[in-house]
Amino acid sequence: MQEENYKIYLHNPPHLFLPNTKYFITGATYLKRPFFATENSKEKLFNSIKMGCEKYHWVLEDWVILDNHYHLMLNAPCSADTLSKMFNEIHRFTAIWLKKNILELKEEKRIFYNYWDSCITYEKSYWARLNYIYLIP
């Protein structure tokens, strides 16, 4: 039996962190603006996600990056509580790159709104979210 680890954040529901478990992640841009409309910006976000996953030992299994949000299916490492730190870094590094390399975004105060995670605890939920990733575009 896996040990359950809950983290409670101000103004957010508790987050369940389980090692070696799949997570569905959704991240969105601030005010749903199309900051990822170009292939270069999508590629930078994807590379930041890959680097974050490598650094924190998460496995990126499936993904879609749209103009104003993204969806990911990840597999957690032995310590799933690194998720928030990983996404803080992914968002920070991607936002810095966007502001430096896309002139129209230079003065933007915020690039990302937030991300949401769902710990997948049963098979039907996994398949529903996986279909969502592949059928959305």
N, C-alpha and C. Protein backbone atom coordinates (compact mmCIF):
# COMPACT_ATOMS: atom_id res chain seq x y z
N MET A 1 0.84 -1.18 0.00
CA MET A 1 0.00 0.00 0.00
C MET A 1 0.88 1.24 0.00
N GLN A 2 0.57 2.20 -0.87
CA GLN A 2 1.34 3.42 -0.96
C GLN A 2 0.93 4.38 0.14
N GLU A 3 1.91 5.09 0.64
CA GLU A 3 1.64 6.08 1.67
C GLU A 3 1.07 7.34 1.03
N GLU A 4 -0.08 7.80 1.52
CA GLU A 4 -0.69 9.01 1.00
C GLU A 4 -0.07 10.23 1.65
N ASN A 5 0.18 11.24 0.85
CA ASN A 5 0.76 12.48 1.32
C ASN A 5 -0.10 13.61 0.80
N TYR A 6 -0.75 14.35 1.70
CA TYR A 6 -1.56 15.49 1.32
C TYR A 6 -0.82 16.77 1.68
N LYS A 7 -0.90 17.73 0.78
CA LYS A 7 -0.41 19.07 1.09
C LYS A 7 -1.61 20.01 1.00
N ILE A 8 -1.68 20.89 1.94
CA ILE A 8 -2.78 21.85 1.97
C ILE A 8 -2.22 23.23 1.71
N TYR A 9 -2.81 23.91 0.73
CA TYR A 9 -2.38 25.25 0.35
C TYR A 9 -3.50 26.23 0.63
N LEU A 10 -3.15 27.45 0.95
CA LEU A 10 -4.13 28.51 1.15
C LEU A 10 -4.89 28.74 -0.15
N HIS A 11 -6.19 28.78 -0.09
CA HIS A 11 -7.07 29.06 -1.23
C HIS A 11 -7.08 27.97 -2.30
N ASN A 12 -6.61 26.78 -1.99
CA ASN A 12 -6.63 25.67 -2.94
C ASN A 12 -7.07 24.41 -2.20
N PRO A 13 -7.68 23.48 -2.91
CA PRO A 13 -8.02 22.21 -2.26
C PRO A 13 -6.75 21.43 -1.94
N PRO A 14 -6.83 20.47 -1.03
CA PRO A 14 -5.64 19.66 -0.73
C PRO A 14 -5.17 18.89 -1.97
N HIS A 15 -3.88 18.70 -2.04
CA HIS A 15 -3.29 17.96 -3.15
C HIS A 15 -2.80 16.62 -2.63
N LEU A 16 -3.14 15.58 -3.38
CA LEU A 16 -2.72 14.23 -3.04
C LEU A 16 -1.45 13.91 -3.82
N PHE A 17 -0.41 13.50 -3.11
CA PHE A 17 0.85 13.13 -3.73
C PHE A 17 1.15 11.68 -3.42
N LEU A 18 1.19 10.87 -4.47
CA LEU A 18 1.51 9.46 -4.34
C LEU A 18 2.71 9.13 -5.23
N PRO A 19 3.67 8.40 -4.72
CA PRO A 19 4.82 8.02 -5.55
C PRO A 19 4.41 7.03 -6.63
N ASN A 20 5.12 7.08 -7.75
CA ASN A 20 4.92 6.12 -8.86
C ASN A 20 3.46 6.05 -9.30
N THR A 21 2.83 7.20 -9.40
CA THR A 21 1.42 7.30 -9.78
C THR A 21 1.30 8.31 -10.92
N LYS A 22 0.31 8.12 -11.76
CA LYS A 22 0.10 9.04 -12.88
C LYS A 22 -0.63 10.30 -12.41
N TYR A 23 -0.25 11.42 -13.04
CA TYR A 23 -0.85 12.72 -12.76
C TYR A 23 -1.25 13.38 -14.07
N PHE A 24 -2.45 13.94 -14.08
CA PHE A 24 -2.92 14.73 -15.20
C PHE A 24 -2.74 16.19 -14.80
N ILE A 25 -2.03 16.94 -15.63
CA ILE A 25 -1.71 18.33 -15.34
C ILE A 25 -2.31 19.22 -16.42
N THR A 26 -2.92 20.31 -16.00
CA THR A 26 -3.38 21.34 -16.91
C THR A 26 -2.77 22.66 -16.46
N GLY A 27 -2.16 23.37 -17.38
CA GLY A 27 -1.61 24.69 -17.10
C GLY A 27 -2.21 25.69 -18.07
N ALA A 28 -2.40 26.92 -17.59
CA ALA A 28 -3.05 27.92 -18.43
C ALA A 28 -2.30 29.25 -18.39
N THR A 29 -2.44 30.00 -19.46
CA THR A 29 -1.85 31.33 -19.51
C THR A 29 -2.76 32.31 -18.77
N TYR A 30 -2.18 33.40 -18.39
CA TYR A 30 -2.91 34.45 -17.69
C TYR A 30 -3.96 35.05 -18.61
N LEU A 31 -5.18 35.14 -18.12
CA LEU A 31 -6.33 35.65 -18.86
C LEU A 31 -6.59 34.89 -20.17
N LYS A 32 -6.11 33.65 -20.22
CA LYS A 32 -6.29 32.77 -21.39
C LYS A 32 -5.78 33.40 -22.68
N ARG A 33 -4.72 34.19 -22.55
CA ARG A 33 -4.11 34.84 -23.71
C ARG A 33 -3.31 33.82 -24.52
N PRO A 34 -3.27 33.96 -25.85
CA PRO A 34 -2.58 32.97 -26.70
C PRO A 34 -1.07 33.18 -26.77
N PHE A 35 -0.41 33.07 -25.62
CA PHE A 35 1.04 33.27 -25.56
C PHE A 35 1.83 32.16 -26.24
N PHE A 36 1.16 31.04 -26.54
CA PHE A 36 1.85 29.93 -27.20
C PHE A 36 1.32 29.70 -28.61
N ALA A 37 1.03 30.80 -29.29
CA ALA A 37 0.48 30.71 -30.65
C ALA A 37 1.54 30.33 -31.67
N THR A 38 2.79 30.58 -31.38
CA THR A 38 3.86 30.27 -32.34
C THR A 38 4.48 28.91 -32.02
N GLU A 39 5.06 28.31 -33.05
CA GLU A 39 5.75 27.03 -32.84
C GLU A 39 6.95 27.20 -31.91
N ASN A 40 7.65 28.33 -32.01
CA ASN A 40 8.81 28.57 -31.14
C ASN A 40 8.40 28.62 -29.67
N SER A 41 7.30 29.28 -29.37
CA SER A 41 6.87 29.38 -27.97
C SER A 41 6.39 28.02 -27.46
N LYS A 42 5.70 27.27 -28.29
CA LYS A 42 5.29 25.92 -27.90
C LYS A 42 6.51 25.03 -27.65
N GLU A 43 7.50 25.15 -28.53
CA GLU A 43 8.72 24.35 -28.39
C GLU A 43 9.46 24.71 -27.10
N LYS A 44 9.52 25.99 -26.77
CA LYS A 44 10.19 26.40 -25.54
C LYS A 44 9.47 25.85 -24.32
N LEU A 45 8.16 25.92 -24.30
CA LEU A 45 7.40 25.35 -23.17
C LEU A 45 7.65 23.84 -23.09
N PHE A 46 7.59 23.16 -24.21
CA PHE A 46 7.82 21.72 -24.22
C PHE A 46 9.22 21.37 -23.70
N ASN A 47 10.23 22.11 -24.15
CA ASN A 47 11.59 21.86 -23.68
C ASN A 47 11.73 22.13 -22.18
N SER A 48 11.06 23.16 -21.69
CA SER A 48 11.09 23.45 -20.25
C SER A 48 10.42 22.33 -19.47
N ILE A 49 9.34 21.81 -19.99
CA ILE A 49 8.65 20.69 -19.33
C ILE A 49 9.57 19.46 -19.30
N LYS A 50 10.19 19.15 -20.44
CA LYS A 50 11.10 18.00 -20.48
C LYS A 50 12.25 18.17 -19.49
N MET A 51 12.84 19.35 -19.44
CA MET A 51 13.96 19.59 -18.53
C MET A 51 13.52 19.47 -17.07
N GLY A 52 12.34 20.02 -16.76
CA GLY A 52 11.82 19.92 -15.39
C GLY A 52 11.57 18.48 -15.00
N CYS A 53 10.99 17.72 -15.91
CA CYS A 53 10.73 16.30 -15.64
C CYS A 53 12.04 15.54 -15.41
N GLU A 54 13.03 15.81 -16.23
CA GLU A 54 14.33 15.14 -16.06
C GLU A 54 14.96 15.52 -14.72
N LYS A 55 14.93 16.79 -14.38
CA LYS A 55 15.55 17.26 -13.14
C LYS A 55 14.91 16.63 -11.91
N TYR A 56 13.58 16.53 -11.92
CA TYR A 56 12.86 16.03 -10.74
C TYR A 56 12.42 14.57 -10.87
N HIS A 57 12.85 13.91 -11.94
CA HIS A 57 12.63 12.47 -12.14
C HIS A 57 11.17 12.09 -12.37
N TRP A 58 10.42 13.00 -12.98
CA TRP A 58 9.07 12.68 -13.41
C TRP A 58 9.17 12.17 -14.84
N VAL A 59 8.22 11.35 -15.25
CA VAL A 59 8.22 10.82 -16.62
C VAL A 59 7.07 11.47 -17.38
N LEU A 60 7.42 12.16 -18.45
CA LEU A 60 6.44 12.78 -19.33
C LEU A 60 5.96 11.71 -20.31
N GLU A 61 4.69 11.36 -20.24
CA GLU A 61 4.17 10.28 -21.09
C GLU A 61 3.37 10.80 -22.28
N ASP A 62 2.50 11.76 -22.05
CA ASP A 62 1.64 12.29 -23.11
C ASP A 62 1.44 13.78 -22.87
N TRP A 63 1.20 14.52 -23.95
CA TRP A 63 1.04 15.96 -23.80
C TRP A 63 0.35 16.55 -25.02
N VAL A 64 -0.19 17.74 -24.81
CA VAL A 64 -0.65 18.60 -25.88
C VAL A 64 -0.43 20.03 -25.40
N ILE A 65 0.12 20.86 -26.29
CA ILE A 65 0.32 22.28 -25.98
C ILE A 65 -0.50 23.07 -26.98
N LEU A 66 -1.46 23.80 -26.46
CA LEU A 66 -2.34 24.63 -27.27
C LEU A 66 -1.92 26.10 -27.10
N ASP A 67 -2.61 27.01 -27.77
CA ASP A 67 -2.18 28.41 -27.75
C ASP A 67 -2.26 29.06 -26.37
N ASN A 68 -3.19 28.63 -25.52
CA ASN A 68 -3.32 29.28 -24.22
C ASN A 68 -3.35 28.32 -23.03
N HIS A 69 -3.11 27.06 -23.27
CA HIS A 69 -3.03 26.10 -22.16
C HIS A 69 -2.37 24.82 -22.64
N TYR A 70 -2.09 23.95 -21.68
CA TYR A 70 -1.49 22.66 -22.02
C TYR A 70 -2.04 21.59 -21.09
N HIS A 71 -1.94 20.34 -21.55
CA HIS A 71 -2.32 19.17 -20.75
C HIS A 71 -1.18 18.17 -20.83
N LEU A 72 -0.88 17.56 -19.69
CA LEU A 72 0.19 16.58 -19.61
C LEU A 72 -0.27 15.35 -18.84
N MET A 73 0.28 14.21 -19.19
CA MET A 73 0.16 13.01 -18.36
C MET A 73 1.57 12.67 -17.92
N LEU A 74 1.77 12.70 -16.61
CA LEU A 74 3.08 12.44 -16.02
C LEU A 74 3.02 11.23 -15.11
N ASN A 75 4.15 10.60 -14.93
CA ASN A 75 4.26 9.54 -13.93
C ASN A 75 5.21 10.03 -12.85
N ALA A 76 4.75 9.96 -11.61
CA ALA A 76 5.51 10.49 -10.48
C ALA A 76 6.70 9.61 -10.13
N PRO A 77 7.74 10.24 -9.60
CA PRO A 77 8.88 9.47 -9.09
C PRO A 77 8.58 8.98 -7.68
N CYS A 78 9.60 8.54 -6.99
CA CYS A 78 9.44 8.06 -5.60
C CYS A 78 9.01 9.17 -4.65
N SER A 79 9.24 10.42 -5.03
CA SER A 79 8.84 11.55 -4.20
C SER A 79 7.98 12.49 -5.03
N ALA A 80 6.69 12.31 -4.98
CA ALA A 80 5.78 13.08 -5.82
C ALA A 80 5.59 14.51 -5.33
N ASP A 81 6.07 14.81 -4.14
CA ASP A 81 5.85 16.15 -3.60
C ASP A 81 6.74 17.21 -4.24
N THR A 82 7.50 16.86 -5.27
CA THR A 82 8.30 17.84 -6.01
C THR A 82 7.50 18.51 -7.12
N LEU A 83 6.26 18.12 -7.28
CA LEU A 83 5.45 18.62 -8.40
C LEU A 83 5.33 20.13 -8.42
N SER A 84 4.99 20.75 -7.32
CA SER A 84 4.80 22.20 -7.32
C SER A 84 6.10 22.94 -7.59
N LYS A 85 7.19 22.49 -7.03
CA LYS A 85 8.49 23.13 -7.28
C LYS A 85 8.86 23.01 -8.76
N MET A 86 8.62 21.83 -9.33
CA MET A 86 8.93 21.61 -10.74
C MET A 86 8.15 22.58 -11.62
N PHE A 87 6.84 22.72 -11.37
CA PHE A 87 6.04 23.60 -12.23
C PHE A 87 6.31 25.07 -11.98
N ASN A 88 6.69 25.44 -10.78
CA ASN A 88 7.12 26.82 -10.56
C ASN A 88 8.33 27.14 -11.43
N GLU A 89 9.27 26.22 -11.51
CA GLU A 89 10.46 26.43 -12.34
C GLU A 89 10.12 26.42 -13.83
N ILE A 90 9.31 25.48 -14.26
CA ILE A 90 8.92 25.40 -15.67
C ILE A 90 8.26 26.71 -16.09
N HIS A 91 7.33 27.18 -15.31
CA HIS A 91 6.62 28.41 -15.65
C HIS A 91 7.55 29.62 -15.60
N ARG A 92 8.40 29.69 -14.60
CA ARG A 92 9.31 30.83 -14.49
C ARG A 92 10.27 30.89 -15.67
N PHE A 93 10.93 29.77 -15.98
CA PHE A 93 11.90 29.77 -17.07
C PHE A 93 11.24 30.02 -18.42
N THR A 94 10.06 29.47 -18.63
CA THR A 94 9.35 29.70 -19.90
C THR A 94 8.93 31.15 -20.01
N ALA A 95 8.42 31.73 -18.95
CA ALA A 95 7.99 33.14 -18.97
C ALA A 95 9.16 34.07 -19.25
N ILE A 96 10.30 33.81 -18.64
CA ILE A 96 11.50 34.63 -18.88
C ILE A 96 11.89 34.56 -20.35
N TRP A 97 11.90 33.36 -20.91
CA TRP A 97 12.26 33.20 -22.32
C TRP A 97 11.29 33.95 -23.22
N LEU A 98 9.99 33.79 -22.96
CA LEU A 98 8.98 34.45 -23.79
C LEU A 98 9.15 35.97 -23.77
N LYS A 99 9.37 36.52 -22.58
CA LYS A 99 9.51 37.98 -22.46
C LYS A 99 10.78 38.49 -23.13
N LYS A 100 11.81 37.68 -23.17
CA LYS A 100 13.06 38.09 -23.81
C LYS A 100 13.02 37.92 -25.33
N ASN A 101 12.25 36.96 -25.81
CA ASN A 101 12.33 36.58 -27.22
C ASN A 101 11.11 36.93 -28.06
N ILE A 102 10.03 37.31 -27.46
CA ILE A 102 8.84 37.71 -28.22
C ILE A 102 8.51 39.14 -27.83
N LEU A 103 8.80 40.05 -28.74
CA LEU A 103 8.72 41.48 -28.47
C LEU A 103 7.37 41.89 -27.86
N GLU A 104 6.29 41.34 -28.38
CA GLU A 104 4.96 41.72 -27.91
C GLU A 104 4.72 41.34 -26.44
N LEU A 105 5.51 40.40 -25.92
CA LEU A 105 5.30 39.93 -24.55
C LEU A 105 6.26 40.57 -23.55
N LYS A 106 7.13 41.42 -24.02
CA LYS A 106 8.17 42.00 -23.17
C LYS A 106 7.59 42.70 -21.94
N GLU A 107 6.50 43.40 -22.08
CA GLU A 107 5.92 44.19 -20.99
C GLU A 107 4.82 43.45 -20.22
N GLU A 108 4.58 42.21 -20.56
CA GLU A 108 3.53 41.45 -19.86
C GLU A 108 3.92 41.26 -18.40
N LYS A 109 2.97 41.49 -17.51
CA LYS A 109 3.22 41.29 -16.08
C LYS A 109 3.23 39.81 -15.72
N ARG A 110 2.32 39.06 -16.32
CA ARG A 110 2.21 37.62 -16.05
C ARG A 110 2.03 36.86 -17.34
N ILE A 111 2.62 35.68 -17.38
CA ILE A 111 2.45 34.79 -18.53
C ILE A 111 1.52 33.63 -18.16
N PHE A 112 1.78 33.00 -17.04
CA PHE A 112 0.98 31.86 -16.61
C PHE A 112 -0.01 32.26 -15.54
N TYR A 113 -1.18 31.64 -15.59
CA TYR A 113 -2.14 31.83 -14.52
C TYR A 113 -1.84 30.85 -13.39
N ASN A 114 -1.84 29.56 -13.72
CA ASN A 114 -1.64 28.54 -12.71
C ASN A 114 -1.56 27.18 -13.40
N TYR A 115 -1.43 26.15 -12.60
CA TYR A 115 -1.56 24.79 -13.11
C TYR A 115 -2.42 24.02 -12.12
N TRP A 116 -3.04 22.96 -12.60
CA TRP A 116 -3.90 22.11 -11.78
C TRP A 116 -3.44 20.67 -11.96
N ASP A 117 -3.41 19.95 -10.87
CA ASP A 117 -2.98 18.55 -10.95
C ASP A 117 -4.08 17.64 -10.43
N SER A 118 -4.17 16.49 -11.05
CA SER A 118 -5.09 15.44 -10.61
C SER A 118 -4.31 14.15 -10.50
N CYS A 119 -4.30 13.60 -9.31
CA CYS A 119 -3.68 12.31 -9.09
C CYS A 119 -4.64 11.25 -9.61
N ILE A 120 -4.19 10.45 -10.56
CA ILE A 120 -5.06 9.45 -11.18
C ILE A 120 -5.08 8.21 -10.30
N THR A 121 -6.23 7.94 -9.73
CA THR A 121 -6.32 6.83 -8.77
C THR A 121 -7.12 5.64 -9.29
N TYR A 122 -7.71 5.76 -10.48
CA TYR A 122 -8.38 4.59 -11.05
C TYR A 122 -8.32 4.63 -12.57
N GLU A 123 -8.40 3.47 -13.18
CA GLU A 123 -8.15 3.30 -14.61
C GLU A 123 -9.09 4.10 -15.50
N LYS A 124 -10.35 4.16 -15.18
CA LYS A 124 -11.31 4.89 -16.01
C LYS A 124 -10.94 6.38 -16.08
N SER A 125 -10.49 6.93 -14.99
CA SER A 125 -10.06 8.32 -14.96
C SER A 125 -8.84 8.53 -15.86
N TYR A 126 -7.91 7.59 -15.83
CA TYR A 126 -6.73 7.67 -16.68
C TYR A 126 -7.12 7.71 -18.16
N TRP A 127 -7.97 6.78 -18.59
CA TRP A 127 -8.34 6.71 -20.00
C TRP A 127 -9.14 7.94 -20.43
N ALA A 128 -9.98 8.46 -19.57
CA ALA A 128 -10.75 9.67 -19.90
C ALA A 128 -9.82 10.85 -20.14
N ARG A 129 -8.84 11.01 -19.28
CA ARG A 129 -7.91 12.13 -19.43
C ARG A 129 -6.95 11.93 -20.60
N LEU A 130 -6.54 10.71 -20.85
CA LEU A 130 -5.67 10.44 -21.99
C LEU A 130 -6.41 10.74 -23.30
N ASN A 131 -7.66 10.32 -23.39
CA ASN A 131 -8.47 10.66 -24.56
C ASN A 131 -8.61 12.16 -24.72
N TYR A 132 -8.75 12.87 -23.62
CA TYR A 132 -8.87 14.32 -23.64
C TYR A 132 -7.62 14.95 -24.26
N ILE A 133 -6.46 14.47 -23.88
CA ILE A 133 -5.20 14.98 -24.43
C ILE A 133 -5.16 14.79 -25.95
N TYR A 134 -5.57 13.63 -26.43
CA TYR A 134 -5.44 13.33 -27.84
C TYR A 134 -6.59 13.83 -28.68
N LEU A 135 -7.75 14.06 -28.09
CA LEU A 135 -8.90 14.50 -28.87
C LEU A 135 -9.12 16.02 -28.86
N ILE A 136 -8.52 16.73 -27.91
CA ILE A 136 -8.68 18.18 -27.82
C ILE A 136 -8.22 18.92 -29.08
N PRO A 137 -7.01 18.67 -29.57
CA PRO A 137 -6.54 19.47 -30.71
C PRO A 137 -7.41 19.29 -31.94
